[in-house]
């Protein structure tokens, strides 16, 4: 059985909510593992999230390639909190946000 290459991996974008009601956006090929890294005392977790737990994974979506995920992560990070909350609540979708922010 051949080991999956990074290029073949399915990348996802995710949003984590902190106890201070702030939102953190990231990408990963394994969102569950990455969320555990953020939530624990692991040095691999994001510095921004340190001491802001408990954390809640509030949204995730499979994107595909790493390059597409990076582009979308950048666009989502630029959104207002209200638009991020609309995305989480399913009131708007990622495709419409991408069209809205490009151009």
C-alpha atoms as a PDB file:
ATOM      1  CA  UNK A   1       0.000   0.000   0.000  1.00  0.00           C
ATOM      2  CA  UNK A   2       1.471   3.326  -1.044  1.00  0.00           C
ATOM      3  CA  UNK A   3       1.651   6.105   1.526  1.00  0.00           C
ATOM      4  CA  UNK A   4      -0.400   9.183   0.660  1.00  0.00           C
ATOM      5  CA  UNK A   5       1.701  12.163  -0.420  1.00  0.00           C
ATOM      6  CA  UNK A   6       1.057  15.650   0.920  1.00  0.00           C
ATOM      7  CA  UNK A   7       0.107  16.754  -2.607  1.00  0.00           C
ATOM      8  CA  UNK A   8      -2.599  14.050  -2.720  1.00  0.00           C
ATOM      9  CA  UNK A   9      -4.083  15.001   0.657  1.00  0.00           C
ATOM     10  CA  UNK A  10      -7.486  16.625   0.949  1.00  0.00           C
ATOM     11  CA  UNK A  11      -7.055  19.992   2.650  1.00  0.00           C
ATOM     12  CA  UNK A  12      -9.813  21.503   4.767  1.00  0.00           C
ATOM     13  CA  UNK A  13     -10.466  24.942   6.184  1.00  0.00           C
ATOM     14  CA  UNK A  14     -11.822  25.267   9.721  1.00  0.00           C
ATOM     15  CA  UNK A  15     -12.926  27.851  12.277  1.00  0.00           C
ATOM     16  CA  UNK A  16     -12.395  27.553  16.035  1.00  0.00           C
ATOM     17  CA  UNK A  17     -14.245  29.653  18.613  1.00  0.00           C
ATOM     18  CA  UNK A  18     -12.463  30.644  21.851  1.00  0.00           C
ATOM     19  CA  UNK A  19     -13.965  31.234  25.293  1.00  0.00           C
ATOM     20  CA  UNK A  20     -13.573  34.959  24.587  1.00  0.00           C
ATOM     21  CA  UNK A  21     -15.895  34.570  21.576  1.00  0.00           C
ATOM     22  CA  UNK A  22     -13.100  35.212  19.062  1.00  0.00           C
ATOM     23  CA  UNK A  23     -12.770  33.171  15.876  1.00  0.00           C
ATOM     24  CA  UNK A  24      -9.589  31.533  14.586  1.00  0.00           C
ATOM     25  CA  UNK A  25      -9.324  30.251  11.004  1.00  0.00           C
ATOM     26  CA  UNK A  26      -6.856  27.603   9.854  1.00  0.00           C
ATOM     27  CA  UNK A  27      -6.259  24.826   7.332  1.00  0.00           C
ATOM     28  CA  UNK A  28      -5.203  21.206   7.749  1.00  0.00           C
ATOM     29  CA  UNK A  29      -5.308  17.782   6.127  1.00  0.00           C
ATOM     30  CA  UNK A  30      -6.582  16.374   9.452  1.00  0.00           C
ATOM     31  CA  UNK A  31      -8.850  18.853  11.223  1.00  0.00           C
ATOM     32  CA  UNK A  32      -9.512  16.591  14.233  1.00  0.00           C
ATOM     33  CA  UNK A  33      -5.784  16.141  14.896  1.00  0.00           C
ATOM     34  CA  UNK A  34      -5.108  19.846  14.404  1.00  0.00           C
ATOM     35  CA  UNK A  35      -7.954  20.808  16.763  1.00  0.00           C
ATOM     36  CA  UNK A  36      -6.507  18.485  19.424  1.00  0.00           C
ATOM     37  CA  UNK A  37      -3.124  20.198  18.970  1.00  0.00           C
ATOM     38  CA  UNK A  38      -4.778  23.591  19.478  1.00  0.00           C
ATOM     39  CA  UNK A  39      -6.781  22.388  22.501  1.00  0.00           C
ATOM     40  CA  UNK A  40      -3.973  20.666  24.398  1.00  0.00           C
ATOM     41  CA  UNK A  41      -0.683  21.749  25.861  1.00  0.00           C
ATOM     42  CA  UNK A  42       0.963  20.687  22.616  1.00  0.00           C
ATOM     43  CA  UNK A  43       3.638  23.053  21.316  1.00  0.00           C
ATOM     44  CA  UNK A  44       2.247  22.518  17.811  1.00  0.00           C
ATOM     45  CA  UNK A  45      -0.957  24.445  18.574  1.00  0.00           C
ATOM     46  CA  UNK A  46      -1.388  28.011  17.346  1.00  0.00           C
ATOM     47  CA  UNK A  47       0.142  30.642  19.615  1.00  0.00           C
ATOM     48  CA  UNK A  48      -2.980  32.800  19.206  1.00  0.00           C
ATOM     49  CA  UNK A  49      -5.118  30.116  20.884  1.00  0.00           C
ATOM     50  CA  UNK A  50      -2.901  29.582  23.950  1.00  0.00           C
ATOM     51  CA  UNK A  51      -4.825  30.284  27.156  1.00  0.00           C
ATOM     52  CA  UNK A  52      -8.082  30.961  25.302  1.00  0.00           C
ATOM     53  CA  UNK A  53      -9.731  27.584  25.892  1.00  0.00           C
ATOM     54  CA  UNK A  54     -11.994  25.858  26.075  1.00  0.00           C
ATOM     55  CA  UNK A  55     -12.038  25.879  22.310  1.00  0.00           C
ATOM     56  CA  UNK A  56     -14.902  24.750  20.091  1.00  0.00           C
ATOM     57  CA  UNK A  57     -14.540  23.623  16.490  1.00  0.00           C
ATOM     58  CA  UNK A  58     -17.513  25.451  14.986  1.00  0.00           C
ATOM     59  CA  UNK A  59     -17.070  24.922  11.238  1.00  0.00           C
ATOM     60  CA  UNK A  60     -15.045  23.002   8.668  1.00  0.00           C
ATOM     61  CA  UNK A  61     -15.165  22.316   4.945  1.00  0.00           C
ATOM     62  CA  UNK A  62     -13.053  20.156   2.658  1.00  0.00           C
ATOM     63  CA  UNK A  63     -11.381  22.305  -0.001  1.00  0.00           C
ATOM     64  CA  UNK A  64      -9.036  20.000  -1.924  1.00  0.00           C
ATOM     65  CA  UNK A  65      -5.560  21.229  -2.766  1.00  0.00           C
ATOM     66  CA  UNK A  66      -3.268  23.012  -0.329  1.00  0.00           C
ATOM     67  CA  UNK A  67      -2.973  26.025  -2.631  1.00  0.00           C
ATOM     68  CA  UNK A  68      -6.768  26.410  -2.845  1.00  0.00           C
ATOM     69  CA  UNK A  69      -7.039  26.041   0.937  1.00  0.00           C
ATOM     70  CA  UNK A  70      -4.388  28.719   1.504  1.00  0.00           C
ATOM     71  CA  UNK A  71      -6.180  31.160  -0.804  1.00  0.00           C
ATOM     72  CA  UNK A  72      -9.530  30.556   0.909  1.00  0.00           C
ATOM     73  CA  UNK A  73      -8.002  30.777   4.375  1.00  0.00           C
ATOM     74  CA  UNK A  74      -6.620  34.209   3.498  1.00  0.00           C
ATOM     75  CA  UNK A  75     -10.017  35.349   2.197  1.00  0.00           C
ATOM     76  CA  UNK A  76     -11.923  34.040   5.238  1.00  0.00           C
ATOM     77  CA  UNK A  77      -9.447  35.681   7.626  1.00  0.00           C
ATOM     78  CA  UNK A  78     -10.184  39.038   5.940  1.00  0.00           C
ATOM     79  CA  UNK A  79     -13.958  38.701   6.508  1.00  0.00           C
ATOM     80  CA  UNK A  80     -15.761  40.589   9.238  1.00  0.00           C
ATOM     81  CA  UNK A  81     -16.820  38.590  12.276  1.00  0.00           C
ATOM     82  CA  UNK A  82     -20.477  38.895  11.173  1.00  0.00           C
ATOM     83  CA  UNK A  83     -19.688  37.305   7.785  1.00  0.00           C
ATOM     84  CA  UNK A  84     -17.715  34.519   9.482  1.00  0.00           C
ATOM     85  CA  UNK A  85     -20.696  33.864  11.770  1.00  0.00           C
ATOM     86  CA  UNK A  86     -23.008  33.791   8.726  1.00  0.00           C
ATOM     87  CA  UNK A  87     -20.663  31.234   7.147  1.00  0.00           C
ATOM     88  CA  UNK A  88     -20.712  29.115  10.324  1.00  0.00           C
ATOM     89  CA  UNK A  89     -24.518  29.342  10.550  1.00  0.00           C
ATOM     90  CA  UNK A  90     -24.911  28.311   6.903  1.00  0.00           C
ATOM     91  CA  UNK A  91     -26.556  31.594   5.904  1.00  0.00           C
ATOM     92  CA  UNK A  92     -23.886  32.096   3.242  1.00  0.00           C
ATOM     93  CA  UNK A  93     -21.582  29.605   1.561  1.00  0.00           C
ATOM     94  CA  UNK A  94     -17.867  29.679   0.914  1.00  0.00           C
ATOM     95  CA  UNK A  95     -18.304  29.974  -2.862  1.00  0.00           C
ATOM     96  CA  UNK A  96     -20.334  33.181  -2.575  1.00  0.00           C
ATOM     97  CA  UNK A  97     -17.788  34.647  -0.165  1.00  0.00           C
ATOM     98  CA  UNK A  98     -14.965  33.909  -2.562  1.00  0.00           C
ATOM     99  CA  UNK A  99     -16.744  35.646  -5.424  1.00  0.00           C
ATOM    100  CA  UNK A 100     -17.610  38.547  -3.120  1.00  0.00           C
ATOM    101  CA  UNK A 101     -14.047  39.088  -1.871  1.00  0.00           C
ATOM    102  CA  UNK A 102     -12.328  38.649  -5.232  1.00  0.00           C
ATOM    103  CA  UNK A 103     -12.498  41.575  -7.513  1.00  0.00           C
END
